[in-house]
Amino acid sequence: MERHIPILLESLRTGTEPDFDLYMKQKDQYILYRESDQPFGNRERARLLEADISQLFVHAMDRKNYAGYVEQHLGDLITDKNLPVESRSSLVYESAKHIMDDTFADPRSGDNIKRTGEFITHTIGFVLNEPGSVKTLSAVTSYDYYTYTHSVNVSLFAISLGQALGMKGNDLQTLGQGALLHDVGKCDIDNGIVNKEGPLNDEEFAEMKQHPNYGHKMLEESDDVPADCYVGVLQHHEKLSGAGYPNGLVDTEIETMGRIVAIADVFDAISTKRSYKPALSVSKTLKIMSGMQGHFDPRLFVEFVKLMGKVDMPKRM
């Protein structure tokens, strides 16, 4: 594991005092450039740029401090036109992973739940105001499956589909936050079941099928998200045929937000790499999904296929 991780110079906001040491790399050595809590100003930035330095480093132990710094300044970063859209997309994604890592570690923390809402607000603004952001965000999604990265991926795909369908304002906000939190109920399930390699037995699967209910109960008790967010949490495993769970809803009983999160959830679950299967290309994933009769809303699935064609995602390997 690398002891130092690279960061973009432009991710450092002038007039701030980062709470992590900054390093420069000279040949194979990392030299301390600036100690934590020291002001970082325009003069420092100008000197680095004059020296053709666009990248600094932080110690791996300060990864979370840096991620917290990015989260704190995310609103400013995503509107900074000096940063390429690809760089801003990477910062959005890294911030999301940091938030969801914390959320799954402590899902009953009201502060963590509120952070998911603030993140979705920033992300929607980025998607709506930055041409090409959907493509660049899709390109940086993780191809390896972890519960927290899966949650981030699903929220980004759901927001993109919601936008393509004409959703706006509060509807897009609640869709995105519900998608981001759709698997939070897994925190109340034994890790041996959640992380099991290979198929679950009947008893394990019966327990796993309760995670939408557990997530709904958890969020309802916290009272830190709008009630509409519960839809994506409760309904992302329901199928139009009635064969889904936890409530076996049929057709019109499944709300639009639930249908959208279901598509995003399955797409990411199939396309990402697991310990027991390789990652699949977008076209192969969509082909598999097209054969899942009675699972998805046909109209929404067609729109999702169109969206993925426009995004032109790289093969998820």
Protein backbone atom coordinates (compact mmCIF):
# COMPACT_ATOMS: atom_id res chain seq x y z
CA MET A 1 0.00 0.00 0.00
CA GLU A 2 1.28 3.44 -0.95
CA ARG A 3 2.34 5.57 2.02
CA HIS A 4 1.44 8.79 0.19
CA ILE A 5 -1.48 9.57 -2.10
CA PRO A 6 -1.53 12.25 -4.81
CA ILE A 7 -3.95 15.17 -4.64
CA LEU A 8 -4.74 17.91 -7.14
CA LEU A 9 -3.22 21.28 -6.34
CA GLU A 10 -6.51 22.88 -7.42
CA SER A 11 -8.39 20.91 -4.76
CA LEU A 12 -6.72 23.11 -2.13
CA ARG A 13 -8.76 26.25 -1.55
CA THR A 14 -6.78 29.43 -0.97
CA GLY A 15 -7.39 31.08 2.39
CA THR A 16 -7.89 27.73 4.14
CA GLU A 17 -5.77 25.83 6.64
CA PRO A 18 -5.78 22.14 5.64
CA ASP A 19 -5.61 19.81 8.65
CA PHE A 20 -3.10 17.50 6.99
CA ASP A 21 0.57 17.76 6.03
CA LEU A 22 1.38 18.42 2.38
CA TYR A 23 4.30 16.74 0.62
CA MET A 24 6.18 17.20 -2.64
CA LYS A 25 7.75 14.32 -4.51
CA GLN A 26 11.38 14.58 -5.60
CA LYS A 27 12.54 11.51 -7.47
CA ASP A 28 11.53 8.67 -5.13
CA GLN A 29 11.36 10.73 -1.96
CA TYR A 30 8.49 12.65 -0.36
CA ILE A 31 9.55 15.98 1.11
CA LEU A 32 7.39 17.83 3.63
CA TYR A 33 6.16 20.98 1.93
CA ARG A 34 3.68 22.41 4.42
CA GLU A 35 2.64 21.27 7.90
CA SER A 36 -1.00 20.88 8.84
CA ASP A 37 -3.05 23.89 9.94
CA GLN A 38 -0.74 26.28 8.08
CA PRO A 39 -2.51 28.78 5.79
CA PHE A 40 -2.54 27.99 2.10
CA GLY A 41 -2.81 31.15 0.04
CA ASN A 42 -2.59 32.56 -3.48
CA ARG A 43 1.15 33.12 -3.11
CA GLU A 44 1.78 29.44 -2.33
CA ARG A 45 -0.39 28.33 -5.24
CA ALA A 46 1.32 30.74 -7.66
CA ARG A 47 4.79 29.53 -6.65
CA LEU A 48 3.84 25.90 -7.21
CA LEU A 49 2.30 26.64 -10.59
CA GLU A 50 5.39 28.61 -11.63
CA ALA A 51 7.42 25.52 -10.78
CA ASP A 52 5.04 23.48 -12.96
CA ILE A 53 3.75 21.54 -9.95
CA SER A 54 0.07 20.62 -10.27
CA GLN A 55 0.09 17.75 -7.79
CA LEU A 56 0.95 17.43 -4.12
CA PHE A 57 0.75 14.45 -1.78
CA VAL A 58 -0.74 13.61 1.61
CA HIS A 59 0.26 10.75 3.90
CA ALA A 60 -2.03 7.74 3.63
CA MET A 61 -2.88 8.16 7.33
CA ASP A 62 -4.36 11.57 6.46
CA ARG A 63 -6.62 10.19 3.71
CA LYS A 64 -9.78 10.71 5.77
CA ASN A 65 -8.73 14.22 6.77
CA TYR A 66 -8.23 15.11 3.12
CA ALA A 67 -11.57 13.53 2.16
CA GLY A 68 -13.26 15.55 4.91
CA TYR A 69 -11.59 18.70 3.59
CA VAL A 70 -12.89 17.99 0.07
CA GLU A 71 -16.37 17.34 1.44
CA GLN A 72 -16.28 20.63 3.35
CA HIS A 73 -15.37 22.57 0.20
CA LEU A 74 -17.27 20.46 -2.35
CA GLY A 75 -19.71 23.21 -3.29
CA ASP A 76 -16.83 25.51 -4.19
CA LEU A 77 -14.82 22.80 -5.94
CA ILE A 78 -17.53 21.61 -8.32
CA THR A 79 -18.18 25.15 -9.57
CA ASP A 80 -14.49 25.94 -10.10
CA LYS A 81 -14.09 26.14 -13.87
CA ASN A 82 -10.30 26.10 -13.44
CA LEU A 83 -10.68 22.43 -12.59
CA PRO A 84 -11.38 20.09 -15.53
CA VAL A 85 -14.76 18.39 -15.30
CA GLU A 86 -12.96 15.04 -15.00
CA SER A 87 -11.11 16.24 -11.91
CA ARG A 88 -14.27 17.62 -10.33
CA SER A 89 -16.05 14.33 -11.02
CA SER A 90 -13.27 12.44 -9.24
CA LEU A 91 -13.56 14.77 -6.24
CA VAL A 92 -17.35 14.27 -6.15
CA TYR A 93 -16.92 10.51 -6.19
CA GLU A 94 -14.17 10.43 -3.56
CA SER A 95 -16.25 12.67 -1.30
CA ALA A 96 -19.22 10.35 -1.71
CA LYS A 97 -17.17 7.29 -0.78
CA HIS A 98 -15.93 9.07 2.35
CA ILE A 99 -19.47 10.00 3.39
CA MET A 100 -20.89 6.54 2.79
CA ASP A 101 -17.96 4.82 4.52
CA ASP A 102 -18.80 6.89 7.60
CA THR A 103 -22.52 6.31 7.19
CA PHE A 104 -22.21 2.53 7.03
CA ALA A 105 -19.89 2.63 10.04
CA ASP A 106 -22.50 4.58 12.03
CA PRO A 107 -25.84 4.52 10.18
CA ARG A 108 -27.81 5.90 13.13
CA SER A 109 -25.79 9.09 13.25
CA GLY A 110 -28.04 11.99 12.35
CA ASP A 111 -25.00 13.97 11.23
CA ASN A 112 -23.98 11.26 8.75
CA ILE A 113 -27.51 11.03 7.31
CA LYS A 114 -27.63 14.81 6.91
CA ARG A 115 -24.29 14.70 5.10
CA THR A 116 -25.83 12.39 2.49
CA GLY A 117 -28.49 15.01 1.77
CA GLU A 118 -25.93 17.80 1.41
CA PHE A 119 -23.85 15.64 -0.90
CA ILE A 120 -26.85 14.86 -3.13
CA THR A 121 -27.69 18.58 -3.34
CA HIS A 122 -24.15 19.33 -4.58
CA THR A 123 -24.18 16.39 -6.99
CA ILE A 124 -27.50 17.37 -8.55
CA GLY A 125 -26.21 20.90 -9.06
CA PHE A 126 -23.10 19.51 -10.73
CA VAL A 127 -25.09 17.19 -13.02
CA LEU A 128 -27.59 19.87 -14.01
CA ASN A 129 -25.08 22.68 -14.59
CA GLU A 130 -22.08 20.90 -16.07
CA PRO A 131 -22.39 19.45 -19.59
CA GLY A 132 -20.72 16.07 -19.78
CA SER A 133 -20.75 15.47 -16.03
CA VAL A 134 -22.87 12.31 -16.33
CA LYS A 135 -20.28 10.77 -18.63
CA THR A 136 -17.32 11.75 -16.47
CA LEU A 137 -19.02 10.64 -13.24
CA SER A 138 -19.84 7.28 -14.84
CA ALA A 139 -16.22 6.91 -15.90
CA VAL A 140 -14.92 7.23 -12.32
CA THR A 141 -17.38 4.84 -10.66
CA SER A 142 -15.70 1.95 -8.92
CA TYR A 143 -15.64 -1.35 -10.79
CA ASP A 144 -15.11 -3.32 -7.59
CA TYR A 145 -18.13 -4.09 -5.44
CA TYR A 146 -18.22 -2.77 -1.89
CA THR A 147 -21.43 -1.86 -0.10
CA TYR A 148 -20.49 1.80 0.16
CA THR A 149 -19.17 2.19 -3.41
CA HIS A 150 -22.24 0.32 -4.70
CA SER A 151 -24.45 2.83 -2.89
CA VAL A 152 -22.62 5.75 -4.47
CA ASN A 153 -22.80 4.21 -7.94
CA VAL A 154 -26.52 3.51 -7.61
CA SER A 155 -27.24 7.09 -6.55
CA LEU A 156 -25.33 8.50 -9.53
CA PHE A 157 -27.11 6.22 -12.01
CA ALA A 158 -30.49 6.96 -10.40
CA ILE A 159 -29.94 10.74 -10.51
CA SER A 160 -28.87 10.51 -14.15
CA LEU A 161 -31.95 8.49 -15.10
CA GLY A 162 -34.21 10.76 -13.07
CA GLN A 163 -32.83 13.80 -14.84
CA ALA A 164 -33.30 12.14 -18.24
CA LEU A 165 -36.93 11.50 -17.30
CA GLY A 166 -37.43 15.19 -16.49
CA MET A 167 -37.39 14.98 -12.71
CA LYS A 168 -36.40 18.21 -10.94
CA GLY A 169 -36.10 19.90 -7.56
CA ASN A 170 -37.25 17.98 -4.50
CA ASP A 171 -38.13 14.90 -6.55
CA LEU A 172 -34.56 14.56 -7.82
CA GLN A 173 -33.19 15.28 -4.35
CA THR A 174 -35.27 12.59 -2.63
CA LEU A 175 -34.57 10.11 -5.43
CA GLY A 176 -30.80 10.66 -5.09
CA GLN A 177 -30.74 10.47 -1.30
CA GLY A 178 -33.01 7.43 -1.22
CA ALA A 179 -30.76 5.70 -3.76
CA LEU A 180 -27.64 6.61 -1.78
CA LEU A 181 -29.17 5.08 1.36
CA HIS A 182 -30.94 2.16 -0.32
CA ASP A 183 -28.75 -0.52 1.31
CA VAL A 184 -28.30 1.09 4.72
CA GLY A 185 -30.41 -1.67 6.28
CA LYS A 186 -27.60 -4.14 5.60
CA CYS A 187 -25.86 -2.61 8.61
CA ASP A 188 -28.31 -4.57 10.79
CA ILE A 189 -27.45 -7.87 9.10
CA ASP A 190 -24.54 -10.07 10.13
CA ASN A 191 -21.41 -9.30 8.09
CA GLY A 192 -20.94 -12.99 7.45
CA ILE A 193 -24.16 -12.92 5.42
CA VAL A 194 -23.60 -9.56 3.74
CA ASN A 195 -20.04 -10.42 2.66
CA LYS A 196 -20.51 -14.11 1.97
CA GLU A 197 -18.74 -15.32 -1.16
CA GLY A 198 -21.15 -17.39 -3.21
CA PRO A 199 -24.89 -18.03 -2.88
CA LEU A 200 -26.78 -17.64 0.39
CA ASN A 201 -28.68 -20.55 1.88
CA ASP A 202 -32.44 -20.24 2.44
CA GLU A 203 -32.12 -18.98 6.01
CA GLU A 204 -29.47 -16.42 5.07
CA PHE A 205 -31.46 -15.20 2.09
CA ALA A 206 -34.58 -14.81 4.22
CA GLU A 207 -32.59 -12.55 6.54
CA MET A 208 -31.04 -10.61 3.64
CA LYS A 209 -34.52 -9.96 2.23
CA GLN A 210 -35.29 -7.93 5.35
CA HIS A 211 -32.67 -5.24 4.69
CA PRO A 212 -35.15 -2.87 2.97
CA ASN A 213 -37.38 -3.05 6.06
CA TYR A 214 -34.41 -2.59 8.38
CA GLY A 215 -33.27 0.44 6.39
CA HIS A 216 -36.74 1.96 6.38
CA LYS A 217 -37.06 1.51 10.13
CA MET A 218 -33.60 2.97 10.73
CA LEU A 219 -34.31 6.11 8.69
CA GLU A 220 -37.80 6.51 10.12
CA GLU A 221 -36.41 6.43 13.65
CA SER A 222 -33.68 8.94 12.82
CA ASP A 223 -36.20 11.32 11.20
CA ASP A 224 -33.32 13.00 9.35
CA VAL A 225 -34.50 12.45 5.77
CA PRO A 226 -37.80 13.28 3.99
CA ALA A 227 -40.30 10.42 4.05
CA ASP A 228 -40.19 10.22 0.24
CA CYS A 229 -36.62 8.92 0.53
CA TYR A 230 -38.01 5.76 2.09
CA VAL A 231 -39.43 4.70 -1.29
CA GLY A 232 -36.04 3.91 -2.83
CA VAL A 233 -35.00 2.11 0.35
CA LEU A 234 -38.15 0.01 0.64
CA GLN A 235 -38.87 -0.75 -3.00
CA HIS A 236 -35.53 -1.28 -4.76
CA HIS A 237 -36.01 -5.08 -4.73
CA GLU A 238 -39.67 -5.08 -5.72
CA LYS A 239 -40.57 -6.42 -9.19
CA LEU A 240 -43.49 -5.54 -11.41
CA SER A 241 -44.41 -9.24 -11.51
CA GLY A 242 -44.91 -9.31 -7.74
CA ALA A 243 -41.99 -11.70 -7.24
CA GLY A 244 -39.83 -9.13 -5.44
CA TYR A 245 -39.33 -8.36 -1.75
CA PRO A 246 -39.89 -7.43 1.02
CA ASN A 247 -43.60 -6.83 0.33
CA GLY A 248 -44.26 -8.53 -3.01
CA LEU A 249 -45.66 -5.34 -4.54
CA VAL A 250 -47.22 -5.62 -8.00
CA ASP A 251 -47.04 -3.20 -10.93
CA THR A 252 -48.72 0.10 -9.97
CA GLU A 253 -48.03 -0.51 -6.27
CA ILE A 254 -44.37 0.24 -7.01
CA GLU A 255 -43.65 3.96 -7.17
CA THR A 256 -41.52 5.61 -9.85
CA MET A 257 -38.61 6.24 -7.47
CA GLY A 258 -38.61 2.58 -6.46
CA ARG A 259 -38.58 1.53 -10.11
CA ILE A 260 -35.65 3.83 -10.92
CA VAL A 261 -33.53 2.66 -7.97
CA ALA A 262 -34.28 -0.97 -8.88
CA ILE A 263 -32.81 -0.47 -12.36
CA ALA A 264 -29.75 1.38 -11.06
CA ASP A 265 -29.21 -1.22 -8.33
CA VAL A 266 -29.27 -4.23 -10.64
CA PHE A 267 -27.15 -2.53 -13.29
CA ASP A 268 -24.36 -1.81 -10.83
CA ALA A 269 -24.62 -5.19 -9.11
CA ILE A 270 -24.28 -7.08 -12.41
CA SER A 271 -21.63 -4.90 -14.02
CA THR A 272 -19.20 -4.60 -11.11
CA LYS A 273 -16.57 -7.17 -10.22
CA ARG A 274 -17.18 -9.55 -7.32
CA SER A 275 -14.97 -12.18 -5.74
CA TYR A 276 -16.92 -14.84 -7.64
CA LYS A 277 -17.35 -13.11 -11.02
CA PRO A 278 -15.60 -10.61 -13.30
CA ALA A 279 -16.90 -7.18 -14.21
CA LEU A 280 -19.14 -7.06 -17.28
CA SER A 281 -19.32 -4.53 -20.07
CA VAL A 282 -22.27 -2.13 -20.26
CA SER A 283 -23.69 -3.89 -23.32
CA LYS A 284 -23.51 -7.34 -21.72
CA THR A 285 -25.08 -6.06 -18.52
CA LEU A 286 -27.97 -4.41 -20.36
CA LYS A 287 -28.49 -7.56 -22.43
CA ILE A 288 -28.82 -9.63 -19.24
CA MET A 289 -31.21 -7.09 -17.75
CA SER A 290 -33.35 -7.06 -20.89
CA GLY A 291 -34.00 -10.77 -20.36
CA MET A 292 -35.24 -10.28 -16.78
CA GLN A 293 -38.92 -10.34 -17.66
CA GLY A 294 -41.29 -8.83 -15.11
CA HIS A 295 -38.46 -7.24 -13.16
CA PHE A 296 -38.29 -3.65 -14.43
CA ASP A 297 -40.61 -0.98 -15.73
CA PRO A 298 -40.19 -1.43 -19.54
CA ARG A 299 -40.50 2.30 -20.29
CA LEU A 300 -37.93 3.30 -17.70
CA PHE A 301 -35.57 0.54 -18.78
CA VAL A 302 -35.68 1.76 -22.40
CA GLU A 303 -34.77 5.25 -21.17
CA PHE A 304 -31.92 3.80 -19.11
CA VAL A 305 -30.56 1.97 -22.16
CA LYS A 306 -30.68 5.23 -24.13
CA LEU A 307 -28.89 7.01 -21.27
CA MET A 308 -26.10 4.44 -21.15
CA GLY A 309 -25.67 4.78 -24.90
CA LYS A 310 -25.24 8.55 -24.56
CA VAL A 311 -22.87 8.17 -21.64
CA ASP A 312 -20.73 5.71 -23.61
CA MET A 313 -19.23 4.23 -20.46
CA PRO A 314 -15.93 2.37 -20.71
CA LYS A 315 -15.98 -1.39 -20.18
CA ARG A 316 -16.26 -2.00 -16.45
CA MET A 317 -13.12 -4.08 -15.96
